[in-house]
Structures are given as C-alpha cells and as structure tokens.
Amino acid sequence: MVHISLFLLFWAAYFVPAIVAYRRGHAQLPLIIAVNLLFGWTVLGWIACLVWSLTGPEAPKPATIQQTSGPVVPKGS
C-alpha cells in the first residue's frame, strides 16, 4: 500500500506544472503538458515548465456584464 501511495505522489508532483497551468487557465496549456511529459524527468525541464506555467499569459476571461442601479453618466460631464 505504501508503494502505491508513493507512486501516486510521485506522479502528482511530476505534473505540478501542468496542474498549475490548468488551474490558471493558461493559454499554452497543451504545450506545457507536452513539454512536461517529455522533458519533466530532467530537473531543468520540470523547473522550466513550472516557471512557464506561473509566468505565462492566462487565457482571456469571458467578459462579465455589470448591472447598474441608475443611468450611466460619462465622466467629465
């Protein structure tokens, strides 16, 4: 049972960059997953994916409509 837990913990840690990119809604998620899968076994590849997932651009968020309680008055009027 301990071996299975360690195995799952290893794979969860291995894919931390991909998980972070997914949670942030990163625009380059498929590329981060591919690089993490192919080069994550190298320490440098894993660190590069982690930095990429944390610093890269996020996917655009859908616009939200704000409701106002009165008429909209332009500034400076």
N, C-alpha and C. Protein backbone atom coordinates (compact mmCIF):
# COMPACT_ATOMS: atom_id res chain seq x y z
N MET A 1 0.81 -1.19 0.00
CA MET A 1 0.00 0.00 0.00
C MET A 1 0.86 1.27 0.00
N VAL A 2 1.96 1.23 0.72
CA VAL A 2 2.87 2.37 0.76
C VAL A 2 3.46 2.64 -0.62
N HIS A 3 3.76 1.58 -1.36
CA HIS A 3 4.34 1.73 -2.69
C HIS A 3 3.37 2.43 -3.63
N ILE A 4 2.11 2.09 -3.54
CA ILE A 4 1.10 2.72 -4.40
C ILE A 4 0.97 4.21 -4.05
N SER A 5 0.97 4.52 -2.78
CA SER A 5 0.87 5.92 -2.34
C SER A 5 2.06 6.74 -2.82
N LEU A 6 3.25 6.18 -2.69
CA LEU A 6 4.45 6.87 -3.16
C LEU A 6 4.44 7.05 -4.67
N PHE A 7 3.98 6.04 -5.38
CA PHE A 7 3.89 6.11 -6.84
C PHE A 7 2.94 7.23 -7.26
N LEU A 8 1.77 7.31 -6.64
CA LEU A 8 0.80 8.36 -6.96
C LEU A 8 1.31 9.74 -6.57
N LEU A 9 1.99 9.82 -5.45
CA LEU A 9 2.57 11.09 -5.01
C LEU A 9 3.64 11.56 -5.99
N PHE A 10 4.47 10.64 -6.48
CA PHE A 10 5.50 10.99 -7.46
C PHE A 10 4.86 11.56 -8.72
N TRP A 11 3.84 10.89 -9.25
CA TRP A 11 3.22 11.36 -10.49
C TRP A 11 2.48 12.67 -10.29
N ALA A 12 1.89 12.88 -9.14
CA ALA A 12 1.24 14.16 -8.86
C ALA A 12 2.28 15.28 -8.84
N ALA A 13 3.43 15.03 -8.19
CA ALA A 13 4.50 16.02 -8.15
C ALA A 13 5.09 16.26 -9.54
N TYR A 14 5.18 15.21 -10.33
CA TYR A 14 5.75 15.32 -11.68
C TYR A 14 4.92 16.25 -12.54
N PHE A 15 3.60 16.22 -12.37
CA PHE A 15 2.72 17.02 -13.21
C PHE A 15 2.24 18.31 -12.54
N VAL A 16 2.92 18.76 -11.50
CA VAL A 16 2.57 20.03 -10.86
C VAL A 16 2.56 21.18 -11.87
N PRO A 17 3.55 21.32 -12.77
CA PRO A 17 3.48 22.43 -13.73
C PRO A 17 2.22 22.37 -14.61
N ALA A 18 1.84 21.20 -15.05
CA ALA A 18 0.64 21.07 -15.88
C ALA A 18 -0.61 21.37 -15.07
N ILE A 19 -0.63 20.96 -13.82
CA ILE A 19 -1.78 21.22 -12.96
C ILE A 19 -1.91 22.71 -12.70
N VAL A 20 -0.80 23.37 -12.44
CA VAL A 20 -0.81 24.82 -12.21
C VAL A 20 -1.30 25.55 -13.46
N ALA A 21 -0.81 25.14 -14.62
CA ALA A 21 -1.24 25.77 -15.87
C ALA A 21 -2.74 25.56 -16.10
N TYR A 22 -3.22 24.38 -15.79
CA TYR A 22 -4.65 24.09 -15.93
C TYR A 22 -5.48 24.97 -15.00
N ARG A 23 -5.05 25.07 -13.75
CA ARG A 23 -5.79 25.84 -12.76
C ARG A 23 -5.81 27.34 -13.09
N ARG A 24 -4.74 27.83 -13.72
CA ARG A 24 -4.66 29.25 -14.09
C ARG A 24 -5.36 29.53 -15.41
N GLY A 25 -5.78 28.48 -16.12
CA GLY A 25 -6.40 28.69 -17.42
C GLY A 25 -5.39 29.20 -18.44
N HIS A 26 -4.17 28.68 -18.35
CA HIS A 26 -3.07 29.14 -19.19
C HIS A 26 -3.38 28.89 -20.67
N ALA A 27 -3.09 29.89 -21.50
CA ALA A 27 -3.36 29.79 -22.93
C ALA A 27 -2.50 28.73 -23.62
N GLN A 28 -1.35 28.41 -23.07
CA GLN A 28 -0.42 27.45 -23.68
C GLN A 28 -0.48 26.08 -22.99
N LEU A 29 -1.61 25.74 -22.40
CA LEU A 29 -1.74 24.50 -21.63
C LEU A 29 -1.32 23.25 -22.41
N PRO A 30 -1.76 23.05 -23.65
CA PRO A 30 -1.33 21.83 -24.37
C PRO A 30 0.19 21.73 -24.53
N LEU A 31 0.84 22.85 -24.80
CA LEU A 31 2.31 22.83 -24.95
C LEU A 31 3.00 22.57 -23.61
N ILE A 32 2.47 23.14 -22.55
CA ILE A 32 3.06 22.91 -21.23
C ILE A 32 2.95 21.43 -20.86
N ILE A 33 1.79 20.83 -21.14
CA ILE A 33 1.61 19.41 -20.85
C ILE A 33 2.59 18.57 -21.66
N ALA A 34 2.75 18.89 -22.94
CA ALA A 34 3.65 18.12 -23.80
C ALA A 34 5.10 18.24 -23.33
N VAL A 35 5.54 19.45 -23.03
CA VAL A 35 6.92 19.64 -22.58
C VAL A 35 7.13 18.99 -21.22
N ASN A 36 6.14 19.11 -20.35
CA ASN A 36 6.23 18.48 -19.03
C ASN A 36 6.32 16.96 -19.16
N LEU A 37 5.54 16.41 -20.05
CA LEU A 37 5.55 14.96 -20.26
C LEU A 37 6.88 14.48 -20.84
N LEU A 38 7.41 15.23 -21.82
CA LEU A 38 8.62 14.79 -22.50
C LEU A 38 9.91 15.14 -21.76
N PHE A 39 9.94 16.31 -21.11
CA PHE A 39 11.19 16.78 -20.52
C PHE A 39 11.12 16.99 -19.00
N GLY A 40 9.98 16.67 -18.40
CA GLY A 40 9.84 16.85 -16.97
C GLY A 40 10.75 15.97 -16.15
N TRP A 41 11.22 14.86 -16.73
CA TRP A 41 12.10 13.95 -16.00
C TRP A 41 13.46 14.59 -15.75
N THR A 42 13.80 15.60 -16.54
CA THR A 42 15.03 16.34 -16.24
C THR A 42 14.65 17.45 -15.27
N VAL A 43 15.46 17.72 -14.33
CA VAL A 43 15.13 18.75 -13.35
C VAL A 43 14.96 20.10 -14.03
N LEU A 44 15.81 20.40 -14.99
CA LEU A 44 15.73 21.67 -15.71
C LEU A 44 14.42 21.78 -16.49
N GLY A 45 14.00 20.70 -17.13
CA GLY A 45 12.74 20.70 -17.87
C GLY A 45 11.55 20.92 -16.96
N TRP A 46 11.58 20.29 -15.79
CA TRP A 46 10.48 20.43 -14.84
C TRP A 46 10.40 21.87 -14.32
N ILE A 47 11.56 22.45 -13.98
CA ILE A 47 11.60 23.83 -13.48
C ILE A 47 11.15 24.79 -14.58
N ALA A 48 11.59 24.57 -15.80
CA ALA A 48 11.18 25.44 -16.91
C ALA A 48 9.66 25.39 -17.11
N CYS A 49 9.07 24.22 -17.03
CA CYS A 49 7.61 24.10 -17.16
C CYS A 49 6.89 24.79 -16.02
N LEU A 50 7.43 24.67 -14.82
CA LEU A 50 6.81 25.31 -13.67
C LEU A 50 6.84 26.83 -13.81
N VAL A 51 7.99 27.36 -14.19
CA VAL A 51 8.11 28.82 -14.38
C VAL A 51 7.18 29.26 -15.51
N TRP A 52 7.14 28.50 -16.59
CA TRP A 52 6.27 28.83 -17.73
C TRP A 52 4.81 28.84 -17.30
N SER A 53 4.41 27.87 -16.51
CA SER A 53 3.02 27.80 -16.09
C SER A 53 2.65 28.93 -15.14
N LEU A 54 3.62 29.46 -14.40
CA LEU A 54 3.35 30.53 -13.45
C LEU A 54 3.45 31.92 -14.06
N THR A 55 4.27 32.10 -15.08
CA THR A 55 4.52 33.45 -15.59
C THR A 55 3.91 33.72 -16.95
N GLY A 56 3.47 32.72 -17.64
CA GLY A 56 2.93 32.93 -18.98
C GLY A 56 1.58 33.60 -18.96
N PRO A 57 1.11 33.98 -20.14
CA PRO A 57 -0.19 34.63 -20.22
C PRO A 57 -1.32 33.66 -19.91
N GLU A 58 -2.33 34.19 -19.25
CA GLU A 58 -3.50 33.39 -18.96
C GLU A 58 -4.47 33.49 -20.14
N ALA A 59 -5.34 32.54 -20.26
CA ALA A 59 -6.37 32.57 -21.29
C ALA A 59 -7.30 33.74 -20.98
N PRO A 60 -7.82 34.38 -22.03
CA PRO A 60 -8.73 35.51 -21.77
C PRO A 60 -9.98 35.04 -21.03
N LYS A 61 -10.36 35.82 -20.05
CA LYS A 61 -11.56 35.52 -19.27
C LYS A 61 -12.78 36.06 -20.01
N PRO A 62 -13.90 35.37 -19.93
CA PRO A 62 -15.11 35.91 -20.56
C PRO A 62 -15.53 37.21 -19.89
N ALA A 63 -16.01 38.12 -20.70
CA ALA A 63 -16.44 39.41 -20.16
C ALA A 63 -17.68 39.24 -19.30
N THR A 64 -17.74 40.01 -18.23
CA THR A 64 -18.90 39.98 -17.37
C THR A 64 -19.67 41.28 -17.54
N ILE A 65 -20.95 41.21 -17.40
CA ILE A 65 -21.79 42.39 -17.52
C ILE A 65 -22.11 42.88 -16.12
N GLN A 66 -21.80 44.15 -15.89
CA GLN A 66 -22.09 44.74 -14.59
C GLN A 66 -23.44 45.43 -14.67
N GLN A 67 -24.25 45.17 -13.68
CA GLN A 67 -25.55 45.82 -13.63
C GLN A 67 -25.43 47.08 -12.78
N THR A 68 -26.02 48.14 -13.27
CA THR A 68 -26.01 49.40 -12.53
C THR A 68 -27.41 49.69 -12.03
N SER A 69 -27.48 50.49 -10.99
CA SER A 69 -28.78 50.81 -10.41
C SER A 69 -29.38 52.06 -11.02
N GLY A 70 -28.62 52.80 -11.81
CA GLY A 70 -29.14 54.03 -12.39
C GLY A 70 -28.54 54.25 -13.77
N PRO A 71 -28.82 55.42 -14.35
CA PRO A 71 -28.28 55.70 -15.68
C PRO A 71 -26.76 55.87 -15.64
N VAL A 72 -26.12 55.50 -16.73
CA VAL A 72 -24.67 55.63 -16.83
C VAL A 72 -24.35 57.02 -17.29
N VAL A 73 -23.54 57.75 -16.52
CA VAL A 73 -23.14 59.10 -16.85
C VAL A 73 -21.67 59.11 -17.13
N PRO A 74 -21.25 59.57 -18.33
CA PRO A 74 -19.82 59.62 -18.64
C PRO A 74 -19.09 60.57 -17.71
N LYS A 75 -17.84 60.24 -17.41
CA LYS A 75 -17.03 61.10 -16.55
C LYS A 75 -16.75 62.41 -17.25
N GLY A 76 -16.69 63.46 -16.47
CA GLY A 76 -16.37 64.79 -17.02
C GLY A 76 -17.59 65.55 -17.48
N SER A 77 -18.76 64.99 -17.28
CA SER A 77 -19.99 65.70 -17.69
C SER A 77 -20.60 66.43 -16.53
